[in-house]
């Protein structure tokens, strides 16, 4: 028999505050629990934090330039994060 589901911790990278709020509200009502660790407006801000402890990073691929930012995705993956 297994115990209760493990809590998942996420970080959100998006350039819109309303997205941060919406994902935070959605996470508050999930089972198993999803803990929103923090929200960032760009990948550089997230990567500047020493060793953010998250299970998954939710990334808006089309940040400020409205084009997919595959460079940001690559930097996050190379830093060892699941995106």
Protein backbone atom coordinates (compact mmCIF):
# COMPACT_ATOMS: atom_id res chain seq x y z
CA UNK A 1 0.00 0.00 0.00
CA UNK A 2 1.42 3.40 -0.92
CA UNK A 3 1.20 6.58 1.10
CA UNK A 4 -0.30 9.88 0.08
CA UNK A 5 0.82 11.28 -3.28
CA UNK A 6 4.00 13.32 -3.19
CA UNK A 7 3.69 17.05 -3.56
CA UNK A 8 4.95 18.43 -6.86
CA UNK A 9 6.75 21.77 -6.83
CA UNK A 10 6.72 24.01 -9.90
CA UNK A 11 8.01 27.39 -11.01
CA UNK A 12 6.35 29.51 -13.70
CA UNK A 13 8.21 31.64 -16.22
CA UNK A 14 5.83 33.92 -18.10
CA UNK A 15 5.76 37.61 -18.95
CA UNK A 16 2.13 38.07 -17.84
CA UNK A 17 1.19 38.41 -14.18
CA UNK A 18 -2.33 37.14 -14.86
CA UNK A 19 -0.86 33.81 -16.01
CA UNK A 20 1.11 33.58 -12.74
CA UNK A 21 -2.11 34.22 -10.80
CA UNK A 22 -4.15 31.76 -12.84
CA UNK A 23 -1.66 28.94 -12.50
CA UNK A 24 -1.34 29.68 -8.78
CA UNK A 25 -5.13 29.44 -8.35
CA UNK A 26 -5.27 26.21 -10.34
CA UNK A 27 -2.44 24.68 -8.29
CA UNK A 28 -4.21 25.52 -5.03
CA UNK A 29 -7.04 23.18 -6.01
CA UNK A 30 -5.13 20.13 -7.27
CA UNK A 31 -4.75 16.62 -5.96
CA UNK A 32 -2.07 15.46 -5.59
CA UNK A 33 -0.88 18.84 -4.36
CA UNK A 34 1.07 21.13 -6.67
CA UNK A 35 3.08 23.79 -4.85
CA UNK A 36 3.88 26.93 -6.82
CA UNK A 37 7.41 27.71 -5.65
CA UNK A 38 7.71 31.06 -7.38
CA UNK A 39 6.96 32.96 -10.58
CA UNK A 40 9.40 34.74 -12.85
CA UNK A 41 9.00 37.11 -15.78
CA UNK A 42 11.93 35.67 -17.73
CA UNK A 43 14.26 32.68 -17.78
CA UNK A 44 17.30 34.75 -16.78
CA UNK A 45 15.61 35.74 -13.50
CA UNK A 46 14.79 32.10 -12.74
CA UNK A 47 18.31 30.96 -13.55
CA UNK A 48 19.85 33.70 -11.39
CA UNK A 49 18.33 32.15 -8.25
CA UNK A 50 20.79 29.74 -6.67
CA UNK A 51 19.47 26.21 -7.11
CA UNK A 52 15.72 26.76 -7.19
CA UNK A 53 14.20 23.56 -5.85
CA UNK A 54 11.40 22.71 -8.26
CA UNK A 55 10.28 19.50 -9.90
CA UNK A 56 9.03 21.16 -13.09
CA UNK A 57 9.39 24.55 -14.77
CA UNK A 58 6.42 25.85 -16.76
CA UNK A 59 7.85 28.09 -19.48
CA UNK A 60 6.06 30.46 -21.84
CA UNK A 61 8.04 29.84 -25.01
CA UNK A 62 6.89 33.11 -26.53
CA UNK A 63 8.03 35.60 -23.95
CA UNK A 64 8.56 39.22 -24.93
CA UNK A 65 9.31 38.85 -28.65
CA UNK A 66 6.29 36.67 -29.55
CA UNK A 67 8.63 34.13 -31.12
CA UNK A 68 9.60 30.81 -29.56
CA UNK A 69 12.64 31.34 -27.33
CA UNK A 70 14.32 27.99 -27.77
CA UNK A 71 17.52 29.46 -26.30
CA UNK A 72 15.79 29.94 -22.95
CA UNK A 73 14.45 26.40 -23.13
CA UNK A 74 17.91 25.08 -23.89
CA UNK A 75 19.48 27.03 -20.99
CA UNK A 76 16.90 25.67 -18.55
CA UNK A 77 17.42 22.10 -19.71
CA UNK A 78 21.21 22.42 -19.60
CA UNK A 79 20.88 23.73 -16.04
CA UNK A 80 19.19 20.43 -15.18
CA UNK A 81 15.55 21.51 -14.99
CA UNK A 82 12.54 19.61 -16.30
CA UNK A 83 10.53 21.93 -18.51
